[in-house]
Amino acid sequence: MNTAKVENKNLPAFASVAMSRNDDYQQDGLTKIEYFAALAMQALASNPDWAKTMRTPDDWDEYKDRLAKGAVELADAVLSEL
C-alpha cells in the first residue's frame, strides 16, 4: 500500500476510495482543491459586480485569468482554515 502523505487539498472531495489491483488506493473524480475552486469560480462568475470588471470584450483573457486565479486563491484559503 502506498503510504506517501497526501496534502489535504489533493484528497478526494467525495470520499469513495477503492483498492486497485496493486493494493494502492484509487480515487476518481475531483480533489478538494478542484471542487472548492469550481464553487468559488461559479460564485465569482455569477456576481454582476465581478462581471463588470471586464470593461470591453478585449479584456476577456485578462478577466479569465483573474477569475481562475481568484477562485484558486479562495479555495486555498478555505483549505487553510480546515
N, C-alpha and C. Protein backbone atom coordinates (compact mmCIF):
# COMPACT_ATOMS: atom_id res chain seq x y z
N MET A 1 0.85 -1.18 0.00
CA MET A 1 0.00 0.00 0.00
C MET A 1 0.88 1.24 0.00
N ASN A 2 0.48 2.24 -0.74
CA ASN A 2 1.21 3.50 -0.82
C ASN A 2 0.97 4.30 0.45
N THR A 3 2.02 4.62 1.19
CA THR A 3 1.88 5.34 2.45
C THR A 3 2.35 6.78 2.36
N ALA A 4 2.57 7.27 1.15
CA ALA A 4 3.01 8.66 0.98
C ALA A 4 1.93 9.60 1.51
N LYS A 5 2.37 10.65 2.18
CA LYS A 5 1.43 11.63 2.72
C LYS A 5 0.85 12.46 1.59
N VAL A 6 -0.46 12.59 1.58
CA VAL A 6 -1.15 13.37 0.56
C VAL A 6 -1.66 14.65 1.22
N GLU A 7 -1.43 15.78 0.55
CA GLU A 7 -1.91 17.05 1.07
C GLU A 7 -3.44 17.06 1.09
N ASN A 8 -4.00 17.77 2.06
CA ASN A 8 -5.44 17.86 2.21
C ASN A 8 -6.11 18.31 0.91
N LYS A 9 -5.51 19.29 0.22
CA LYS A 9 -6.14 19.82 -0.99
C LYS A 9 -6.21 18.78 -2.11
N ASN A 10 -5.39 17.75 -2.04
CA ASN A 10 -5.39 16.72 -3.08
C ASN A 10 -6.19 15.48 -2.70
N LEU A 11 -6.80 15.50 -1.51
CA LEU A 11 -7.66 14.41 -1.11
C LEU A 11 -8.98 14.51 -1.88
N PRO A 12 -9.72 13.41 -1.97
CA PRO A 12 -10.98 13.45 -2.72
C PRO A 12 -12.02 14.34 -2.06
N ALA A 13 -12.78 15.04 -2.89
CA ALA A 13 -13.86 15.88 -2.38
C ALA A 13 -15.02 15.03 -1.87
N PHE A 14 -15.24 13.91 -2.50
CA PHE A 14 -16.30 12.99 -2.13
C PHE A 14 -15.67 11.62 -1.93
N ALA A 15 -15.43 11.29 -0.70
CA ALA A 15 -14.64 10.10 -0.38
C ALA A 15 -15.35 8.81 -0.77
N SER A 16 -14.90 8.23 -1.84
CA SER A 16 -15.34 6.90 -2.27
C SER A 16 -14.12 6.23 -2.87
N VAL A 17 -13.30 5.72 -2.00
CA VAL A 17 -12.00 5.19 -2.40
C VAL A 17 -12.09 3.67 -2.53
N ALA A 18 -11.45 3.14 -3.54
CA ALA A 18 -11.42 1.70 -3.76
C ALA A 18 -9.98 1.23 -3.88
N MET A 19 -9.77 -0.02 -3.57
CA MET A 19 -8.43 -0.60 -3.72
C MET A 19 -8.24 -1.01 -5.18
N SER A 20 -7.07 -0.73 -5.72
CA SER A 20 -6.76 -1.15 -7.08
C SER A 20 -6.07 -2.51 -7.03
N ARG A 21 -5.75 -3.03 -8.16
CA ARG A 21 -5.13 -4.35 -8.24
C ARG A 21 -3.78 -4.43 -7.55
N ASN A 22 -3.05 -3.34 -7.51
CA ASN A 22 -1.72 -3.35 -6.89
C ASN A 22 -1.76 -2.89 -5.43
N ASP A 23 -2.90 -3.05 -4.78
CA ASP A 23 -3.08 -2.68 -3.37
C ASP A 23 -2.84 -1.20 -3.10
N ASP A 24 -3.06 -0.39 -4.08
CA ASP A 24 -2.94 1.05 -3.91
C ASP A 24 -4.34 1.64 -3.94
N TYR A 25 -4.52 2.75 -3.25
CA TYR A 25 -5.83 3.39 -3.28
C TYR A 25 -6.03 4.11 -4.59
N GLN A 26 -7.25 4.09 -5.05
CA GLN A 26 -7.59 4.75 -6.31
C GLN A 26 -8.79 5.64 -6.08
N GLN A 27 -8.70 6.85 -6.55
CA GLN A 27 -9.80 7.81 -6.41
C GLN A 27 -10.08 8.44 -7.76
N ASP A 28 -11.31 8.37 -8.16
CA ASP A 28 -11.73 9.04 -9.38
C ASP A 28 -12.53 10.27 -8.99
N GLY A 29 -12.48 11.28 -9.81
CA GLY A 29 -13.27 12.47 -9.55
C GLY A 29 -12.42 13.64 -9.10
N LEU A 30 -13.11 14.63 -8.56
CA LEU A 30 -12.47 15.89 -8.17
C LEU A 30 -11.75 15.79 -6.83
N THR A 31 -10.65 16.53 -6.73
CA THR A 31 -9.99 16.70 -5.44
C THR A 31 -10.70 17.84 -4.71
N LYS A 32 -10.36 18.01 -3.45
CA LYS A 32 -10.96 19.10 -2.68
C LYS A 32 -10.64 20.46 -3.30
N ILE A 33 -9.38 20.65 -3.69
CA ILE A 33 -9.00 21.95 -4.26
C ILE A 33 -9.76 22.22 -5.55
N GLU A 34 -9.94 21.21 -6.38
CA GLU A 34 -10.68 21.39 -7.63
C GLU A 34 -12.14 21.71 -7.35
N TYR A 35 -12.73 21.01 -6.40
CA TYR A 35 -14.14 21.22 -6.07
C TYR A 35 -14.37 22.62 -5.50
N PHE A 36 -13.54 23.00 -4.51
CA PHE A 36 -13.72 24.33 -3.92
C PHE A 36 -13.44 25.44 -4.92
N ALA A 37 -12.47 25.25 -5.79
CA ALA A 37 -12.18 26.26 -6.82
C ALA A 37 -13.35 26.39 -7.79
N ALA A 38 -13.97 25.26 -8.15
CA ALA A 38 -15.12 25.31 -9.04
C ALA A 38 -16.28 26.07 -8.40
N LEU A 39 -16.52 25.84 -7.12
CA LEU A 39 -17.58 26.57 -6.42
C LEU A 39 -17.27 28.07 -6.35
N ALA A 40 -16.02 28.39 -6.06
CA ALA A 40 -15.63 29.80 -5.97
C ALA A 40 -15.74 30.47 -7.34
N MET A 41 -15.32 29.77 -8.39
CA MET A 41 -15.40 30.35 -9.73
C MET A 41 -16.85 30.58 -10.13
N GLN A 42 -17.72 29.65 -9.79
CA GLN A 42 -19.13 29.81 -10.10
C GLN A 42 -19.70 31.04 -9.40
N ALA A 43 -19.32 31.22 -8.14
CA ALA A 43 -19.82 32.37 -7.38
C ALA A 43 -19.29 33.67 -7.96
N LEU A 44 -18.00 33.72 -8.26
CA LEU A 44 -17.43 34.94 -8.82
C LEU A 44 -18.02 35.26 -10.19
N ALA A 45 -18.14 34.27 -11.04
CA ALA A 45 -18.63 34.49 -12.40
C ALA A 45 -20.10 34.92 -12.42
N SER A 46 -20.86 34.50 -11.42
CA SER A 46 -22.29 34.86 -11.40
C SER A 46 -22.55 36.19 -10.70
N ASN A 47 -21.51 36.78 -10.12
CA ASN A 47 -21.65 38.05 -9.43
C ASN A 47 -21.60 39.18 -10.45
N PRO A 48 -22.68 39.96 -10.60
CA PRO A 48 -22.69 41.03 -11.60
C PRO A 48 -21.60 42.08 -11.37
N ASP A 49 -21.25 42.33 -10.13
CA ASP A 49 -20.19 43.32 -9.86
C ASP A 49 -18.84 42.81 -10.35
N TRP A 50 -18.58 41.51 -10.19
CA TRP A 50 -17.32 40.94 -10.69
C TRP A 50 -17.32 41.00 -12.22
N ALA A 51 -18.45 40.67 -12.83
CA ALA A 51 -18.53 40.68 -14.30
C ALA A 51 -18.30 42.08 -14.86
N LYS A 52 -18.68 43.10 -14.13
CA LYS A 52 -18.49 44.48 -14.59
C LYS A 52 -17.02 44.87 -14.66
N THR A 53 -16.15 44.08 -14.04
CA THR A 53 -14.73 44.41 -14.10
C THR A 53 -14.15 44.15 -15.48
N MET A 54 -14.88 43.43 -16.33
CA MET A 54 -14.46 43.26 -17.71
C MET A 54 -15.07 44.43 -18.49
N ARG A 55 -14.25 45.39 -18.78
CA ARG A 55 -14.74 46.64 -19.36
C ARG A 55 -15.12 46.50 -20.83
N THR A 56 -14.33 45.74 -21.58
CA THR A 56 -14.61 45.56 -23.00
C THR A 56 -14.37 44.10 -23.36
N PRO A 57 -14.88 43.66 -24.50
CA PRO A 57 -14.60 42.27 -24.92
C PRO A 57 -13.11 41.98 -25.05
N ASP A 58 -12.31 42.99 -25.27
CA ASP A 58 -10.85 42.80 -25.36
C ASP A 58 -10.24 42.40 -24.02
N ASP A 59 -10.96 42.62 -22.92
CA ASP A 59 -10.48 42.28 -21.59
C ASP A 59 -10.71 40.81 -21.24
N TRP A 60 -11.27 40.03 -22.16
CA TRP A 60 -11.69 38.67 -21.86
C TRP A 60 -10.55 37.80 -21.31
N ASP A 61 -9.38 37.81 -21.95
CA ASP A 61 -8.28 36.97 -21.49
C ASP A 61 -7.82 37.37 -20.09
N GLU A 62 -7.70 38.65 -19.84
CA GLU A 62 -7.30 39.12 -18.51
C GLU A 62 -8.37 38.78 -17.48
N TYR A 63 -9.63 38.91 -17.86
CA TYR A 63 -10.75 38.57 -16.96
C TYR A 63 -10.72 37.09 -16.60
N LYS A 64 -10.52 36.22 -17.57
CA LYS A 64 -10.46 34.77 -17.31
C LYS A 64 -9.32 34.44 -16.35
N ASP A 65 -8.17 35.06 -16.57
CA ASP A 65 -7.03 34.81 -15.69
C ASP A 65 -7.33 35.23 -14.26
N ARG A 66 -7.90 36.41 -14.09
CA ARG A 66 -8.23 36.89 -12.75
C ARG A 66 -9.28 36.00 -12.09
N LEU A 67 -10.25 35.56 -12.88
CA LEU A 67 -11.31 34.69 -12.36
C LEU A 67 -10.73 33.36 -11.89
N ALA A 68 -9.91 32.74 -12.70
CA ALA A 68 -9.31 31.44 -12.35
C ALA A 68 -8.38 31.58 -11.13
N LYS A 69 -7.53 32.59 -11.14
CA LYS A 69 -6.59 32.79 -10.02
C LYS A 69 -7.34 33.12 -8.74
N GLY A 70 -8.37 33.95 -8.85
CA GLY A 70 -9.17 34.29 -7.67
C GLY A 70 -9.87 33.08 -7.09
N ALA A 71 -10.39 32.22 -7.95
CA ALA A 71 -11.07 31.02 -7.49
C ALA A 71 -10.12 30.08 -6.76
N VAL A 72 -8.93 29.91 -7.30
CA VAL A 72 -7.94 29.04 -6.65
C VAL A 72 -7.47 29.65 -5.33
N GLU A 73 -7.29 30.96 -5.29
CA GLU A 73 -6.90 31.61 -4.04
C GLU A 73 -7.96 31.43 -2.96
N LEU A 74 -9.23 31.56 -3.34
CA LEU A 74 -10.31 31.36 -2.37
C LEU A 74 -10.34 29.90 -1.90
N ALA A 75 -10.17 28.97 -2.82
CA ALA A 75 -10.14 27.55 -2.46
C ALA A 75 -8.99 27.26 -1.50
N ASP A 76 -7.83 27.81 -1.77
CA ASP A 76 -6.67 27.64 -0.88
C ASP A 76 -6.96 28.20 0.51
N ALA A 77 -7.63 29.34 0.57
CA ALA A 77 -7.96 29.95 1.85
C ALA A 77 -8.90 29.05 2.66
N VAL A 78 -9.88 28.47 2.01
CA VAL A 78 -10.80 27.54 2.69
C VAL A 78 -10.03 26.35 3.23
N LEU A 79 -9.18 25.77 2.40
CA LEU A 79 -8.42 24.59 2.83
C LEU A 79 -7.44 24.93 3.95
N SER A 80 -6.90 26.13 3.95
CA SER A 80 -6.01 26.55 5.04
C SER A 80 -6.77 26.63 6.36
N GLU A 81 -8.00 27.08 6.30
CA GLU A 81 -8.82 27.16 7.51
C GLU A 81 -9.22 25.78 8.01
N LEU A 82 -9.37 24.85 7.09
CA LEU A 82 -9.75 23.48 7.50
C LEU A 82 -8.58 22.79 8.15
